[in-house]
Amino acid sequence: MSLTDTAGDLGSTVKSAAGGAVASVTKSGGVVAALSSAGFRSEWAYAAGFASIGLSFVSHYASRASSGNKAQADRWGIFVGHWAPTFFALGVALRLEELS
């Protein structure tokens, strides 16, 4: 068996496994559908995104005021600021679920 044949077999195995996983999530509705049916609303996710932006500023300045260490304050602000895109993406996904 050549390397090309082995790679082709591996590729088809991965493709079928990925297809099965996608079909399973699609059939059951997925995580977003479960969150939506549990009562989570897209507006809440958007509000959490905006709140995390504000919390990013607050945590940056609170950390800087308490420790005086600018590098540590920057890390806290960036850490909390990274939550916003996740909340906004979740809000978009929930909104699409609400519309369907």
C-alpha atoms as a PDB file:
ATOM      1  CA  MET A   1       0.000   0.000   0.000  1.00  0.00           C
ATOM      2  CA  SER A   2       1.425   3.344  -1.029  1.00  0.00           C
ATOM      3  CA  LEU A   3       1.503   6.517   0.984  1.00  0.00           C
ATOM      4  CA  THR A   4      -1.096   8.070  -1.326  1.00  0.00           C
ATOM      5  CA  ASP A   5      -3.514   5.184  -0.723  1.00  0.00           C
ATOM      6  CA  THR A   6      -3.008   5.440   3.042  1.00  0.00           C
ATOM      7  CA  ALA A   7      -3.616   9.181   2.971  1.00  0.00           C
ATOM      8  CA  GLY A   8      -6.747   8.662   0.876  1.00  0.00           C
ATOM      9  CA  ASP A   9      -8.090   6.050   3.309  1.00  0.00           C
ATOM     10  CA  LEU A  10      -7.359   8.309   6.263  1.00  0.00           C
ATOM     11  CA  GLY A  11      -9.035  11.237   4.515  1.00  0.00           C
ATOM     12  CA  SER A  12     -12.204   9.254   3.821  1.00  0.00           C
ATOM     13  CA  THR A  13     -12.289   7.989   7.422  1.00  0.00           C
ATOM     14  CA  VAL A  14     -11.985  11.531   8.793  1.00  0.00           C
ATOM     15  CA  LYS A  15     -14.590  12.817   6.337  1.00  0.00           C
ATOM     16  CA  SER A  16     -17.120  10.147   7.321  1.00  0.00           C
ATOM     17  CA  ALA A  17     -16.496  10.703  11.046  1.00  0.00           C
ATOM     18  CA  ALA A  18     -16.923  14.467  10.681  1.00  0.00           C
ATOM     19  CA  GLY A  19     -20.076  13.948   8.645  1.00  0.00           C
ATOM     20  CA  GLY A  20     -21.491  11.684  11.337  1.00  0.00           C
ATOM     21  CA  ALA A  21     -20.720  14.216  14.065  1.00  0.00           C
ATOM     22  CA  VAL A  22     -22.346  17.056  12.122  1.00  0.00           C
ATOM     23  CA  ALA A  23     -25.410  14.916  11.402  1.00  0.00           C
ATOM     24  CA  SER A  24     -25.709  14.033  15.089  1.00  0.00           C
ATOM     25  CA  VAL A  25     -25.591  17.660  16.220  1.00  0.00           C
ATOM     26  CA  THR A  26     -27.955  18.749  13.459  1.00  0.00           C
ATOM     27  CA  LYS A  27     -30.449  15.984  14.233  1.00  0.00           C
ATOM     28  CA  SER A  28     -30.593  16.776  17.940  1.00  0.00           C
ATOM     29  CA  GLY A  29     -30.729  20.534  17.374  1.00  0.00           C
ATOM     30  CA  GLY A  30     -27.289  21.292  18.733  1.00  0.00           C
ATOM     31  CA  VAL A  31     -26.056  23.338  21.640  1.00  0.00           C
ATOM     32  CA  VAL A  32     -27.644  26.589  20.489  1.00  0.00           C
ATOM     33  CA  ALA A  33     -31.052  24.931  20.146  1.00  0.00           C
ATOM     34  CA  ALA A  34     -30.667  23.496  23.637  1.00  0.00           C
ATOM     35  CA  LEU A  35     -29.807  26.927  25.049  1.00  0.00           C
ATOM     36  CA  SER A  36     -32.737  28.478  23.212  1.00  0.00           C
ATOM     37  CA  SER A  37     -35.172  25.879  24.474  1.00  0.00           C
ATOM     38  CA  ALA A  38     -33.819  26.399  28.002  1.00  0.00           C
ATOM     39  CA  GLY A  39     -34.926  30.037  27.787  1.00  0.00           C
ATOM     40  CA  PHE A  40     -31.695  31.870  26.915  1.00  0.00           C
ATOM     41  CA  ARG A  41     -32.421  34.855  24.673  1.00  0.00           C
ATOM     42  CA  SER A  42     -30.183  36.556  22.133  1.00  0.00           C
ATOM     43  CA  GLU A  43     -30.720  39.907  23.875  1.00  0.00           C
ATOM     44  CA  TRP A  44     -29.135  38.488  27.017  1.00  0.00           C
ATOM     45  CA  ALA A  45     -26.053  37.404  25.109  1.00  0.00           C
ATOM     46  CA  TYR A  46     -25.750  40.846  23.488  1.00  0.00           C
ATOM     47  CA  ALA A  47     -26.136  42.505  26.902  1.00  0.00           C
ATOM     48  CA  ALA A  48     -23.433  40.215  28.305  1.00  0.00           C
ATOM     49  CA  GLY A  49     -21.138  41.222  25.421  1.00  0.00           C
ATOM     50  CA  PHE A  50     -21.571  44.911  26.142  1.00  0.00           C
ATOM     51  CA  ALA A  51     -21.243  44.306  29.878  1.00  0.00           C
ATOM     52  CA  SER A  52     -17.953  42.478  29.336  1.00  0.00           C
ATOM     53  CA  ILE A  53     -16.619  45.468  27.399  1.00  0.00           C
ATOM     54  CA  GLY A  54     -17.470  47.723  30.338  1.00  0.00           C
ATOM     55  CA  LEU A  55     -16.128  45.192  32.819  1.00  0.00           C
ATOM     56  CA  SER A  56     -12.901  45.098  30.828  1.00  0.00           C
ATOM     57  CA  PHE A  57     -12.353  48.804  31.449  1.00  0.00           C
ATOM     58  CA  VAL A  58     -13.350  48.516  35.100  1.00  0.00           C
ATOM     59  CA  SER A  59     -11.080  45.535  35.754  1.00  0.00           C
ATOM     60  CA  HIS A  60      -8.164  47.253  34.010  1.00  0.00           C
ATOM     61  CA  TYR A  61      -8.439  50.432  36.054  1.00  0.00           C
ATOM     62  CA  ALA A  62      -9.273  48.645  39.318  1.00  0.00           C
ATOM     63  CA  SER A  63      -6.249  46.388  38.913  1.00  0.00           C
ATOM     64  CA  ARG A  64      -4.044  49.331  38.053  1.00  0.00           C
ATOM     65  CA  ALA A  65      -5.286  51.322  41.048  1.00  0.00           C
ATOM     66  CA  SER A  66      -4.799  48.477  43.517  1.00  0.00           C
ATOM     67  CA  SER A  67      -1.449  47.153  42.347  1.00  0.00           C
ATOM     68  CA  GLY A  68       0.018  49.976  40.305  1.00  0.00           C
ATOM     69  CA  ASN A  69       1.330  47.354  37.895  1.00  0.00           C
ATOM     70  CA  LYS A  70       0.367  48.396  34.358  1.00  0.00           C
ATOM     71  CA  ALA A  71       1.255  45.025  32.805  1.00  0.00           C
ATOM     72  CA  GLN A  72      -0.983  43.143  35.230  1.00  0.00           C
ATOM     73  CA  ALA A  73      -3.801  45.637  34.673  1.00  0.00           C
ATOM     74  CA  ASP A  74      -3.472  45.206  30.919  1.00  0.00           C
ATOM     75  CA  ARG A  75      -3.704  41.436  31.267  1.00  0.00           C
ATOM     76  CA  TRP A  76      -6.896  41.676  33.346  1.00  0.00           C
ATOM     77  CA  GLY A  77      -8.477  44.074  30.875  1.00  0.00           C
ATOM     78  CA  ILE A  78      -7.579  41.919  27.893  1.00  0.00           C
ATOM     79  CA  PHE A  79      -8.741  38.724  29.636  1.00  0.00           C
ATOM     80  CA  VAL A  80     -12.199  40.111  30.328  1.00  0.00           C
ATOM     81  CA  GLY A  81     -12.311  41.848  26.934  1.00  0.00           C
ATOM     82  CA  HIS A  82     -11.938  38.521  25.166  1.00  0.00           C
ATOM     83  CA  TRP A  83     -15.353  37.455  26.434  1.00  0.00           C
ATOM     84  CA  ALA A  84     -17.231  40.024  24.328  1.00  0.00           C
ATOM     85  CA  PRO A  85     -16.812  38.355  20.897  1.00  0.00           C
ATOM     86  CA  THR A  86     -17.961  35.033  22.340  1.00  0.00           C
ATOM     87  CA  PHE A  87     -21.095  36.583  23.790  1.00  0.00           C
ATOM     88  CA  PHE A  88     -21.823  38.450  20.542  1.00  0.00           C
ATOM     89  CA  ALA A  89     -21.355  35.292  18.455  1.00  0.00           C
ATOM     90  CA  LEU A  90     -23.634  33.396  20.818  1.00  0.00           C
ATOM     91  CA  GLY A  91     -26.178  36.201  20.487  1.00  0.00           C
ATOM     92  CA  VAL A  92     -26.110  35.934  16.705  1.00  0.00           C
ATOM     93  CA  ALA A  93     -26.515  32.157  16.854  1.00  0.00           C
ATOM     94  CA  LEU A  94     -29.399  32.439  19.302  1.00  0.00           C
ATOM     95  CA  ARG A  95     -31.033  35.111  17.158  1.00  0.00           C
ATOM     96  CA  LEU A  96     -30.861  32.847  14.110  1.00  0.00           C
ATOM     97  CA  GLU A  97     -32.365  30.048  16.211  1.00  0.00           C
ATOM     98  CA  GLU A  98     -35.171  32.362  17.347  1.00  0.00           C
ATOM     99  CA  LEU A  99     -35.958  33.297  13.747  1.00  0.00           C
ATOM    100  CA  SER A 100     -36.141  29.710  12.534  1.00  0.00           C
END
